[in-house]
Amino acid sequence: MKIISMAAITIAAIVTIACANVSNPTDEPSSTQQWQKKYPQIFSNVGYSKLIESQGKLSQYQNKSESTQELIGTITNQFGIRDDILNFTLNYFQSNESATYAAIRFLQNDMNVFMATNVDTAVLYQNKNTLYIHCLMNIIDVYTANKYVNKIEYLKTNTPARMLQENKIKTYLNLKILGNTITTQNMDKICEQGNY
């Protein structure tokens, strides 16, 4: 009896921990006003204004076919990033403004890779991601940056259809030569100046 009780307590503890690690969809903003209310430090900061996507680009996402919209996911924020991924990012970096900026640039560009209509365009955007990740790693430690990127990769493939799409993208990108023509020193300067 004592063993069964201990097993039940252990299982309950595991379920509690697992549930605590899953983000609650109701915590996720679902409109521009809710995003601004939940993260005023981001949405009222003039420095982030150049990251706001045009209404035309945001409308493009909403005008896609239903199956493509399922792949893209819900986007109700002004940055044009999937809501669950942006919510995770803003919570992950919290008060680190520079890391948040670099992460948003990376995510916006990653969306461009995802939406690219041809391989050459996807390669161009993927090469830009080298700079954004470099800047992120200059701002925070490499371990924390890698942990963040790994979590984003997991979130990007959280449905079978998204996993299939990501695998297709990786397959055709692997057939192309990827590489950034900017030297590490020049990337350091660009990151330092924030001109990316």
N, C-alpha and C. Protein backbone atom coordinates (compact mmCIF):
# COMPACT_ATOMS: atom_id res chain seq x y z
N MET A 1 0.83 -1.21 0.00
CA MET A 1 0.00 0.00 0.00
C MET A 1 0.86 1.25 0.00
N LYS A 2 1.93 1.20 0.83
CA LYS A 2 2.83 2.35 0.91
C LYS A 2 3.53 2.59 -0.44
N ILE A 3 3.90 1.50 -1.13
CA ILE A 3 4.58 1.61 -2.43
C ILE A 3 3.63 2.23 -3.46
N ILE A 4 2.35 1.81 -3.43
CA ILE A 4 1.38 2.35 -4.38
C ILE A 4 1.18 3.84 -4.12
N SER A 5 1.12 4.24 -2.86
CA SER A 5 0.95 5.66 -2.51
C SER A 5 2.15 6.47 -2.99
N MET A 6 3.35 5.95 -2.80
CA MET A 6 4.56 6.65 -3.25
C MET A 6 4.57 6.77 -4.77
N ALA A 7 4.15 5.70 -5.45
CA ALA A 7 4.09 5.74 -6.91
C ALA A 7 3.08 6.79 -7.37
N ALA A 8 1.92 6.85 -6.72
CA ALA A 8 0.90 7.83 -7.07
C ALA A 8 1.40 9.25 -6.85
N ILE A 9 2.11 9.47 -5.74
CA ILE A 9 2.67 10.80 -5.45
C ILE A 9 3.71 11.17 -6.49
N THR A 10 4.56 10.21 -6.86
CA THR A 10 5.60 10.46 -7.87
C THR A 10 4.96 10.81 -9.21
N ILE A 11 3.94 10.05 -9.63
CA ILE A 11 3.27 10.32 -10.89
C ILE A 11 2.60 11.69 -10.86
N ALA A 12 1.95 12.02 -9.76
CA ALA A 12 1.31 13.33 -9.63
C ALA A 12 2.33 14.45 -9.72
N ALA A 13 3.51 14.24 -9.11
CA ALA A 13 4.56 15.27 -9.17
C ALA A 13 5.07 15.44 -10.59
N ILE A 14 5.24 14.33 -11.32
CA ILE A 14 5.71 14.40 -12.71
C ILE A 14 4.69 15.13 -13.58
N VAL A 15 3.41 14.81 -13.42
CA VAL A 15 2.36 15.47 -14.21
C VAL A 15 2.33 16.96 -13.89
N THR A 16 2.46 17.31 -12.61
CA THR A 16 2.46 18.73 -12.22
C THR A 16 3.61 19.47 -12.86
N ILE A 17 4.80 18.88 -12.83
CA ILE A 17 5.99 19.52 -13.43
C ILE A 17 5.80 19.64 -14.94
N ALA A 18 5.30 18.59 -15.58
CA ALA A 18 5.10 18.62 -17.04
C ALA A 18 4.10 19.71 -17.41
N CYS A 19 3.03 19.81 -16.66
CA CYS A 19 2.01 20.83 -16.95
C CYS A 19 2.56 22.23 -16.73
N ALA A 20 3.41 22.38 -15.75
CA ALA A 20 3.99 23.69 -15.46
C ALA A 20 4.90 24.15 -16.59
N ASN A 21 5.49 23.19 -17.34
CA ASN A 21 6.41 23.54 -18.42
C ASN A 21 5.71 23.78 -19.75
N VAL A 22 4.42 23.51 -19.81
CA VAL A 22 3.67 23.74 -21.04
C VAL A 22 3.03 25.11 -20.94
N SER A 23 3.25 25.93 -21.96
CA SER A 23 2.67 27.28 -21.90
C SER A 23 1.17 27.20 -22.06
N ASN A 24 0.48 27.98 -21.29
CA ASN A 24 -0.96 28.02 -21.33
C ASN A 24 -1.40 28.95 -22.46
N PRO A 25 -2.17 28.44 -23.43
CA PRO A 25 -2.56 29.28 -24.56
C PRO A 25 -3.32 30.54 -24.13
N THR A 26 -4.00 30.48 -23.00
CA THR A 26 -4.75 31.66 -22.55
C THR A 26 -3.81 32.76 -22.08
N ASP A 27 -2.56 32.43 -21.78
CA ASP A 27 -1.58 33.44 -21.39
C ASP A 27 -1.04 34.19 -22.61
N GLU A 28 -1.33 33.67 -23.79
CA GLU A 28 -0.80 34.23 -25.02
C GLU A 28 -1.73 35.33 -25.54
N PRO A 29 -1.20 36.50 -25.78
CA PRO A 29 -2.04 37.57 -26.33
C PRO A 29 -2.62 37.15 -27.68
N SER A 30 -3.81 37.66 -28.00
CA SER A 30 -4.44 37.28 -29.26
C SER A 30 -4.90 38.49 -30.08
N SER A 31 -4.39 39.66 -29.74
CA SER A 31 -4.68 40.86 -30.53
C SER A 31 -3.55 41.86 -30.32
N THR A 32 -3.46 42.82 -31.21
CA THR A 32 -2.42 43.85 -31.09
C THR A 32 -2.51 44.55 -29.74
N GLN A 33 -3.73 44.86 -29.31
CA GLN A 33 -3.91 45.55 -28.04
C GLN A 33 -3.44 44.69 -26.86
N GLN A 34 -3.72 43.40 -26.91
CA GLN A 34 -3.29 42.50 -25.83
C GLN A 34 -1.77 42.37 -25.79
N TRP A 35 -1.14 42.33 -26.97
CA TRP A 35 0.33 42.29 -27.02
C TRP A 35 0.90 43.55 -26.38
N GLN A 36 0.32 44.69 -26.74
CA GLN A 36 0.81 45.97 -26.20
C GLN A 36 0.61 46.05 -24.69
N LYS A 37 -0.48 45.48 -24.22
CA LYS A 37 -0.76 45.51 -22.78
C LYS A 37 0.17 44.56 -22.02
N LYS A 38 0.40 43.37 -22.56
CA LYS A 38 1.23 42.38 -21.86
C LYS A 38 2.71 42.76 -21.90
N TYR A 39 3.17 43.34 -23.02
CA TYR A 39 4.59 43.67 -23.17
C TYR A 39 4.76 45.15 -23.53
N PRO A 40 4.36 46.06 -22.66
CA PRO A 40 4.47 47.49 -23.00
C PRO A 40 5.91 47.93 -23.23
N GLN A 41 6.86 47.28 -22.54
CA GLN A 41 8.27 47.65 -22.69
C GLN A 41 8.77 47.38 -24.10
N ILE A 42 8.12 46.48 -24.82
CA ILE A 42 8.51 46.18 -26.20
C ILE A 42 7.73 47.04 -27.18
N PHE A 43 6.42 47.04 -27.04
CA PHE A 43 5.58 47.66 -28.05
C PHE A 43 5.50 49.19 -27.93
N SER A 44 5.95 49.75 -26.82
CA SER A 44 5.98 51.21 -26.72
C SER A 44 7.40 51.76 -26.84
N ASN A 45 8.36 50.88 -27.13
CA ASN A 45 9.76 51.26 -27.24
C ASN A 45 10.05 51.69 -28.68
N VAL A 46 10.50 52.90 -28.85
CA VAL A 46 10.78 53.45 -30.17
C VAL A 46 11.81 52.60 -30.92
N GLY A 47 12.76 52.02 -30.21
CA GLY A 47 13.79 51.21 -30.84
C GLY A 47 13.25 50.00 -31.59
N TYR A 48 12.08 49.51 -31.18
CA TYR A 48 11.49 48.35 -31.82
C TYR A 48 10.59 48.71 -32.99
N SER A 49 10.32 50.01 -33.16
CA SER A 49 9.36 50.42 -34.19
C SER A 49 9.79 50.01 -35.59
N LYS A 50 11.11 49.95 -35.83
CA LYS A 50 11.55 49.55 -37.18
C LYS A 50 11.38 48.05 -37.43
N LEU A 51 11.05 47.30 -36.38
CA LEU A 51 10.82 45.87 -36.53
C LEU A 51 9.38 45.55 -36.90
N ILE A 52 8.50 46.51 -36.75
CA ILE A 52 7.09 46.27 -37.03
C ILE A 52 6.90 46.04 -38.52
N GLU A 53 6.25 44.94 -38.83
CA GLU A 53 6.02 44.58 -40.23
C GLU A 53 4.91 45.45 -40.82
N SER A 54 4.97 45.63 -42.12
CA SER A 54 3.92 46.41 -42.79
C SER A 54 2.60 45.65 -42.71
N GLN A 55 1.52 46.39 -42.74
CA GLN A 55 0.20 45.77 -42.72
C GLN A 55 0.01 44.88 -43.94
N GLY A 56 0.63 45.27 -45.07
CA GLY A 56 0.54 44.46 -46.29
C GLY A 56 1.16 43.08 -46.10
N LYS A 57 2.30 43.04 -45.44
CA LYS A 57 2.96 41.75 -45.22
C LYS A 57 2.15 40.89 -44.26
N LEU A 58 1.61 41.52 -43.22
CA LEU A 58 0.79 40.77 -42.28
C LEU A 58 -0.47 40.25 -42.96
N SER A 59 -1.03 41.04 -43.87
CA SER A 59 -2.21 40.60 -44.62
C SER A 59 -1.88 39.42 -45.53
N GLN A 60 -0.65 39.40 -46.06
CA GLN A 60 -0.22 38.28 -46.91
C GLN A 60 -0.36 36.96 -46.16
N TYR A 61 0.05 36.96 -44.90
CA TYR A 61 -0.05 35.73 -44.10
C TYR A 61 -1.51 35.30 -43.95
N GLN A 62 -2.39 36.27 -43.74
CA GLN A 62 -3.80 35.96 -43.52
C GLN A 62 -4.53 35.58 -44.80
N ASN A 63 -3.97 35.97 -45.95
CA ASN A 63 -4.61 35.66 -47.23
C ASN A 63 -4.13 34.34 -47.84
N LYS A 64 -3.31 33.62 -47.13
CA LYS A 64 -2.82 32.32 -47.63
C LYS A 64 -3.93 31.28 -47.51
N SER A 65 -3.74 30.16 -48.17
CA SER A 65 -4.72 29.07 -48.09
C SER A 65 -4.80 28.57 -46.64
N GLU A 66 -5.88 27.88 -46.34
CA GLU A 66 -6.09 27.39 -44.97
C GLU A 66 -4.95 26.47 -44.53
N SER A 67 -4.48 25.60 -45.43
CA SER A 67 -3.40 24.68 -45.06
C SER A 67 -2.10 25.44 -44.79
N THR A 68 -1.84 26.50 -45.58
CA THR A 68 -0.64 27.31 -45.35
C THR A 68 -0.77 28.09 -44.06
N GLN A 69 -1.97 28.59 -43.76
CA GLN A 69 -2.18 29.30 -42.51
C GLN A 69 -1.94 28.39 -41.31
N GLU A 70 -2.33 27.12 -41.44
CA GLU A 70 -2.07 26.15 -40.37
C GLU A 70 -0.57 25.98 -40.16
N LEU A 71 0.19 25.95 -41.26
CA LEU A 71 1.64 25.85 -41.16
C LEU A 71 2.23 27.09 -40.50
N ILE A 72 1.76 28.26 -40.93
CA ILE A 72 2.28 29.52 -40.41
C ILE A 72 1.93 29.66 -38.94
N GLY A 73 0.69 29.33 -38.59
CA GLY A 73 0.22 29.49 -37.22
C GLY A 73 -0.43 30.85 -37.02
N THR A 74 -0.86 31.09 -35.80
CA THR A 74 -1.55 32.34 -35.47
C THR A 74 -0.56 33.48 -35.33
N ILE A 75 -0.83 34.58 -36.04
CA ILE A 75 -0.01 35.78 -35.93
C ILE A 75 -0.94 36.96 -35.67
N THR A 76 -0.92 37.46 -34.45
CA THR A 76 -1.74 38.63 -34.11
C THR A 76 -0.87 39.80 -33.66
N ASN A 77 0.43 39.63 -33.70
CA ASN A 77 1.35 40.69 -33.25
C ASN A 77 1.88 41.47 -34.45
N GLN A 78 2.44 42.62 -34.18
CA GLN A 78 2.90 43.52 -35.25
C GLN A 78 4.25 43.13 -35.84
N PHE A 79 4.93 42.15 -35.25
CA PHE A 79 6.25 41.75 -35.74
C PHE A 79 6.16 40.68 -36.83
N GLY A 80 4.98 40.09 -37.04
CA GLY A 80 4.83 39.07 -38.07
C GLY A 80 5.47 37.75 -37.68
N ILE A 81 5.50 37.46 -36.39
CA ILE A 81 6.09 36.22 -35.86
C ILE A 81 4.96 35.40 -35.24
N ARG A 82 5.02 34.09 -35.41
CA ARG A 82 4.00 33.23 -34.82
C ARG A 82 3.84 33.56 -33.33
N ASP A 83 2.61 33.72 -32.88
CA ASP A 83 2.34 34.20 -31.53
C ASP A 83 3.00 33.38 -30.43
N ASP A 84 2.91 32.05 -30.52
CA ASP A 84 3.50 31.23 -29.45
C ASP A 84 5.01 31.38 -29.39
N ILE A 85 5.64 31.55 -30.55
CA ILE A 85 7.10 31.70 -30.60
C ILE A 85 7.51 33.08 -30.07
N LEU A 86 6.76 34.12 -30.44
CA LEU A 86 7.08 35.45 -29.91
C LEU A 86 6.86 35.51 -28.40
N ASN A 87 5.78 34.92 -27.93
CA ASN A 87 5.48 34.91 -26.50
C ASN A 87 6.61 34.22 -25.74
N PHE A 88 7.07 33.07 -26.24
CA PHE A 88 8.19 32.37 -25.61
C PHE A 88 9.45 33.24 -25.60
N THR A 89 9.72 33.90 -26.73
CA THR A 89 10.92 34.73 -26.86
C THR A 89 10.92 35.89 -25.88
N LEU A 90 9.80 36.59 -25.81
CA LEU A 90 9.72 37.76 -24.92
C LEU A 90 9.84 37.35 -23.46
N ASN A 91 9.33 36.17 -23.12
CA ASN A 91 9.48 35.66 -21.75
C ASN A 91 10.90 35.17 -21.49
N TYR A 92 11.53 34.60 -22.52
CA TYR A 92 12.87 34.02 -22.37
C TYR A 92 13.91 35.10 -22.08
N PHE A 93 13.84 36.20 -22.82
CA PHE A 93 14.85 37.25 -22.66
C PHE A 93 14.42 38.35 -21.69
N GLN A 94 13.14 38.42 -21.41
CA GLN A 94 12.55 39.37 -20.46
C GLN A 94 13.14 40.77 -20.56
N SER A 95 14.05 41.14 -19.68
CA SER A 95 14.50 42.54 -19.64
C SER A 95 15.77 42.79 -20.47
N ASN A 96 16.25 41.80 -21.21
CA ASN A 96 17.44 41.99 -22.03
C ASN A 96 17.02 42.54 -23.40
N GLU A 97 17.00 43.86 -23.50
CA GLU A 97 16.51 44.53 -24.69
C GLU A 97 17.30 44.17 -25.95
N SER A 98 18.61 44.12 -25.84
CA SER A 98 19.46 43.82 -27.01
C SER A 98 19.24 42.40 -27.51
N ALA A 99 19.14 41.45 -26.58
CA ALA A 99 18.90 40.05 -26.97
C ALA A 99 17.52 39.90 -27.59
N THR A 100 16.54 40.59 -27.03
CA THR A 100 15.18 40.54 -27.58
C THR A 100 15.16 41.06 -29.01
N TYR A 101 15.86 42.17 -29.23
CA TYR A 101 15.93 42.76 -30.58
C TYR A 101 16.55 41.77 -31.56
N ALA A 102 17.70 41.19 -31.20
CA ALA A 102 18.38 40.24 -32.08
C ALA A 102 17.50 39.02 -32.34
N ALA A 103 16.81 38.55 -31.31
CA ALA A 103 15.95 37.38 -31.46
C ALA A 103 14.77 37.68 -32.39
N ILE A 104 14.18 38.87 -32.26
CA ILE A 104 13.07 39.24 -33.14
C ILE A 104 13.54 39.32 -34.59
N ARG A 105 14.71 39.89 -34.83
CA ARG A 105 15.26 39.95 -36.20
C ARG A 105 15.44 38.53 -36.75
N PHE A 106 15.99 37.65 -35.92
CA PHE A 106 16.20 36.26 -36.32
C PHE A 106 14.86 35.60 -36.67
N LEU A 107 13.85 35.78 -35.82
CA LEU A 107 12.56 35.14 -36.04
C LEU A 107 11.85 35.69 -37.28
N GLN A 108 11.95 36.99 -37.49
CA GLN A 108 11.35 37.57 -38.69
C GLN A 108 12.02 37.02 -39.95
N ASN A 109 13.31 36.93 -39.91
CA ASN A 109 14.05 36.42 -41.05
C ASN A 109 13.78 34.93 -41.25
N ASP A 110 13.64 34.21 -40.15
CA ASP A 110 13.33 32.79 -40.22
C ASP A 110 11.96 32.58 -40.88
N MET A 111 11.04 33.47 -40.60
CA MET A 111 9.72 33.43 -41.25
C MET A 111 9.87 33.66 -42.75
N ASN A 112 10.80 34.55 -43.13
CA ASN A 112 11.07 34.78 -44.55
C ASN A 112 11.61 33.52 -45.22
N VAL A 113 12.46 32.77 -44.53
CA VAL A 113 12.97 31.50 -45.07
C VAL A 113 11.78 30.56 -45.27
N PHE A 114 10.92 30.48 -44.27
CA PHE A 114 9.76 29.58 -44.29
C PHE A 114 8.82 29.92 -45.44
N MET A 115 8.66 31.22 -45.71
CA MET A 115 7.69 31.67 -46.72
C MET A 115 8.31 31.85 -48.11
N ALA A 116 9.61 31.67 -48.24
CA ALA A 116 10.29 31.91 -49.53
C ALA A 116 9.67 31.05 -50.63
N THR A 117 9.52 31.67 -51.80
CA THR A 117 8.89 30.96 -52.92
C THR A 117 9.89 30.25 -53.81
N ASN A 118 11.20 30.51 -53.59
CA ASN A 118 12.20 29.78 -54.36
C ASN A 118 13.45 29.58 -53.50
N VAL A 119 14.28 28.65 -53.92
CA VAL A 119 15.45 28.25 -53.14
C VAL A 119 16.44 29.39 -52.97
N ASP A 120 16.71 30.15 -54.02
CA ASP A 120 17.69 31.23 -53.93
C ASP A 120 17.30 32.28 -52.89
N THR A 121 16.02 32.61 -52.84
CA THR A 121 15.53 33.57 -51.85
C THR A 121 15.68 32.99 -50.45
N ALA A 122 15.35 31.72 -50.29
CA ALA A 122 15.48 31.05 -48.98
C ALA A 122 16.94 31.06 -48.53
N VAL A 123 17.86 30.80 -49.44
CA VAL A 123 19.29 30.80 -49.12
C VAL A 123 19.74 32.20 -48.69
N LEU A 124 19.28 33.21 -49.40
CA LEU A 124 19.62 34.59 -49.05
C LEU A 124 19.19 34.91 -47.61
N TYR A 125 17.96 34.57 -47.27
CA TYR A 125 17.46 34.81 -45.92
C TYR A 125 18.20 33.95 -44.89
N GLN A 126 18.46 32.70 -45.24
CA GLN A 126 19.16 31.82 -44.30
C GLN A 126 20.56 32.34 -44.00
N ASN A 127 21.22 32.89 -44.99
CA ASN A 127 22.55 33.47 -44.77
C ASN A 127 22.48 34.67 -43.83
N LYS A 128 21.40 35.45 -43.91
CA LYS A 128 21.23 36.58 -43.00
C LYS A 128 21.09 36.10 -41.56
N ASN A 129 20.50 34.92 -41.39
CA ASN A 129 20.34 34.39 -40.04
C ASN A 129 21.68 34.15 -39.34
N THR A 130 22.73 33.92 -40.12
CA THR A 130 24.07 33.77 -39.55
C THR A 130 24.44 35.02 -38.76
N LEU A 131 24.16 36.18 -39.33
CA LEU A 131 24.45 37.45 -38.66
C LEU A 131 23.60 37.60 -37.40
N TYR A 132 22.31 37.32 -37.49
CA TYR A 132 21.42 37.52 -36.34
C TYR A 132 21.79 36.60 -35.18
N ILE A 133 22.14 35.37 -35.48
CA ILE A 133 22.56 34.44 -34.42
C ILE A 133 23.91 34.88 -33.85
N HIS A 134 24.80 35.36 -34.71
CA HIS A 134 26.10 35.86 -34.25
C HIS A 134 25.89 37.02 -33.26
N CYS A 135 25.00 37.94 -33.60
CA CYS A 135 24.71 39.08 -32.73
C CYS A 135 24.12 38.59 -31.41
N LEU A 136 23.21 37.64 -31.48
CA LEU A 136 22.61 37.09 -30.27
C LEU A 136 23.67 36.47 -29.36
N MET A 137 24.61 35.75 -29.97
CA MET A 137 25.67 35.11 -29.18
C MET A 137 26.67 36.13 -28.63
N ASN A 138 26.77 37.29 -29.27
CA ASN A 138 27.62 38.36 -28.72
C ASN A 138 26.96 39.02 -27.51
N ILE A 139 25.64 38.99 -27.48
CA ILE A 139 24.90 39.66 -26.41
C ILE A 139 24.78 38.77 -25.17
N ILE A 140 24.46 37.50 -25.40
CA ILE A 140 24.32 36.56 -24.29
C ILE A 140 25.33 35.43 -24.50
N ASP A 141 25.47 34.58 -23.51
CA ASP A 141 26.44 33.49 -23.65
C ASP A 141 25.97 32.47 -24.68
N VAL A 142 26.92 31.75 -25.23
CA VAL A 142 26.66 30.79 -26.31
C VAL A 142 25.68 29.70 -25.86
N TYR A 143 25.83 29.23 -24.63
CA TYR A 143 24.95 28.17 -24.12
C TYR A 143 23.49 28.65 -24.12
N THR A 144 23.24 29.84 -23.59
CA THR A 144 21.88 30.37 -23.51
C THR A 144 21.32 30.61 -24.91
N ALA A 145 22.15 31.11 -25.82
CA ALA A 145 21.71 31.34 -27.20
C ALA A 145 21.36 30.01 -27.88
N ASN A 146 22.21 29.00 -27.72
CA ASN A 146 21.95 27.69 -28.32
C ASN A 146 20.69 27.05 -27.74
N LYS A 147 20.52 27.19 -26.44
CA LYS A 147 19.33 26.65 -25.78
C LYS A 147 18.07 27.32 -26.36
N TYR A 148 18.14 28.62 -26.57
CA TYR A 148 17.02 29.35 -27.15
C TYR A 148 16.73 28.87 -28.58
N VAL A 149 17.77 28.80 -29.42
CA VAL A 149 17.59 28.39 -30.82
C VAL A 149 17.03 26.96 -30.88
N ASN A 150 17.50 26.07 -30.02
CA ASN A 150 16.99 24.69 -29.99
C ASN A 150 15.50 24.66 -29.64
N LYS A 151 15.10 25.49 -28.68
CA LYS A 151 13.68 25.56 -28.30
C LYS A 151 12.85 26.10 -29.47
N ILE A 152 13.37 27.09 -30.18
CA ILE A 152 12.65 27.63 -31.34
C ILE A 152 12.51 26.55 -32.41
N GLU A 153 13.57 25.79 -32.64
CA GLU A 153 13.51 24.69 -33.62
C GLU A 153 12.42 23.69 -33.22
N TYR A 154 12.33 23.41 -31.93
CA TYR A 154 11.29 22.49 -31.44
C TYR A 154 9.90 23.08 -31.69
N LEU A 155 9.70 24.35 -31.35
CA LEU A 155 8.39 24.99 -31.54
C LEU A 155 8.00 25.06 -33.01
N LYS A 156 9.00 25.28 -33.88
CA LYS A 156 8.73 25.37 -35.32
C LYS A 156 8.22 24.05 -35.91
N THR A 157 8.50 22.96 -35.21
CA THR A 157 8.12 21.63 -35.74
C THR A 157 7.13 20.94 -34.81
N ASN A 158 6.25 21.71 -34.17
CA ASN A 158 5.36 21.14 -33.16
C ASN A 158 4.10 20.48 -33.71
N THR A 159 3.98 20.39 -35.02
CA THR A 159 2.91 19.58 -35.63
C THR A 159 3.55 18.76 -36.74
N PRO A 160 2.93 17.63 -37.12
CA PRO A 160 3.51 16.82 -38.21
C PRO A 160 3.67 17.61 -39.52
N ALA A 161 2.71 18.46 -39.84
CA ALA A 161 2.79 19.24 -41.08
C ALA A 161 3.95 20.24 -41.03
N ARG A 162 4.14 20.88 -39.88
CA ARG A 162 5.25 21.83 -39.74
C ARG A 162 6.59 21.11 -39.79
N MET A 163 6.64 19.93 -39.18
CA MET A 163 7.89 19.16 -39.21
C MET A 163 8.24 18.78 -40.64
N LEU A 164 7.24 18.36 -41.40
CA LEU A 164 7.45 17.99 -42.80
C LEU A 164 7.94 19.21 -43.60
N GLN A 165 7.31 20.37 -43.39
CA GLN A 165 7.71 21.59 -44.09
C GLN A 165 9.15 21.99 -43.73
N GLU A 166 9.49 21.94 -42.46
CA GLU A 166 10.85 22.28 -42.03
C GLU A 166 11.87 21.32 -42.62
N ASN A 167 11.53 20.03 -42.68
CA ASN A 167 12.44 19.05 -43.29
C ASN A 167 12.64 19.32 -44.77
N LYS A 168 11.56 19.74 -45.48
CA LYS A 168 11.69 20.10 -46.90
C LYS A 168 12.63 21.28 -47.06
N ILE A 169 12.45 22.30 -46.21
CA ILE A 169 13.30 23.49 -46.29
C ILE A 169 14.75 23.11 -46.04
N LYS A 170 14.99 22.33 -45.00
CA LYS A 170 16.37 21.93 -44.68
C LYS A 170 16.98 21.11 -45.81
N THR A 171 16.17 20.26 -46.44
CA THR A 171 16.67 19.44 -47.54
C THR A 171 17.12 20.31 -48.70
N TYR A 172 16.29 21.25 -49.13
CA TYR A 172 16.73 22.06 -50.27
C TYR A 172 17.79 23.07 -49.90
N LEU A 173 17.85 23.50 -48.64
CA LEU A 173 18.94 24.39 -48.24
C LEU A 173 20.26 23.63 -48.17
N ASN A 174 20.19 22.36 -47.80
CA ASN A 174 21.41 21.55 -47.74
C ASN A 174 22.02 21.32 -49.12
N LEU A 175 21.19 21.42 -50.15
CA LEU A 175 21.69 21.23 -51.51
C LEU A 175 22.38 22.48 -52.05
N LYS A 176 22.23 23.59 -51.34
CA LYS A 176 22.85 24.86 -51.74
C LYS A 176 24.02 25.15 -50.81
N ILE A 177 24.94 25.97 -51.28
CA ILE A 177 26.06 26.38 -50.44
C ILE A 177 25.61 27.56 -49.60
N LEU A 178 25.62 27.35 -48.30
CA LEU A 178 25.26 28.42 -47.38
C LEU A 178 26.54 29.04 -46.85
N GLY A 179 26.47 30.29 -46.56
CA GLY A 179 27.64 30.95 -45.99
C GLY A 179 27.48 32.44 -46.08
N ASN A 180 28.01 33.09 -45.09
CA ASN A 180 27.90 34.53 -45.04
C ASN A 180 29.20 35.13 -45.56
N THR A 181 29.11 36.12 -46.42
CA THR A 181 30.32 36.73 -46.98
C THR A 181 30.88 37.80 -46.05
N ILE A 182 30.20 38.09 -44.96
CA ILE A 182 30.68 39.08 -43.99
C ILE A 182 31.66 38.41 -43.05
N THR A 183 32.80 39.04 -42.81
CA THR A 183 33.78 38.48 -41.89
C THR A 183 33.26 38.58 -40.45
N THR A 184 33.84 37.79 -39.57
CA THR A 184 33.46 37.81 -38.16
C THR A 184 33.66 39.19 -37.56
N GLN A 185 34.78 39.84 -37.93
CA GLN A 185 35.05 41.19 -37.41
C GLN A 185 33.98 42.18 -37.86
N ASN A 186 33.59 42.10 -39.13
CA ASN A 186 32.54 42.98 -39.63
C ASN A 186 31.19 42.68 -38.98
N MET A 187 30.92 41.38 -38.75
CA MET A 187 29.68 41.03 -38.06
C MET A 187 29.69 41.60 -36.65
N ASP A 188 30.85 41.53 -35.98
CA ASP A 188 30.96 42.10 -34.63
C ASP A 188 30.63 43.59 -34.64
N LYS A 189 31.15 44.31 -35.65
CA LYS A 189 30.89 45.75 -35.76
C LYS A 189 29.41 46.03 -36.00
N ILE A 190 28.82 45.27 -36.90
CA ILE A 190 27.40 45.45 -37.21
C ILE A 190 26.55 45.20 -35.95
N CYS A 191 26.90 44.14 -35.24
CA CYS A 191 26.17 43.81 -34.02
C CYS A 191 26.32 44.91 -32.98
N GLU A 192 27.54 45.39 -32.83
CA GLU A 192 27.83 46.43 -31.84
C GLU A 192 27.04 47.71 -32.14
N GLN A 193 26.95 48.05 -33.42
CA GLN A 193 26.24 49.27 -33.82
C GLN A 193 24.73 49.08 -33.84
N GLY A 194 24.30 47.85 -33.85
CA GLY A 194 22.86 47.56 -33.90
C GLY A 194 22.25 47.80 -35.25
N ASN A 195 23.07 47.82 -36.30
CA ASN A 195 22.58 48.09 -37.66
C ASN A 195 22.26 46.79 -38.40
N TYR A 196 21.33 46.06 -37.88
CA TYR A 196 20.97 44.80 -38.56
C TYR A 196 19.50 44.54 -38.55
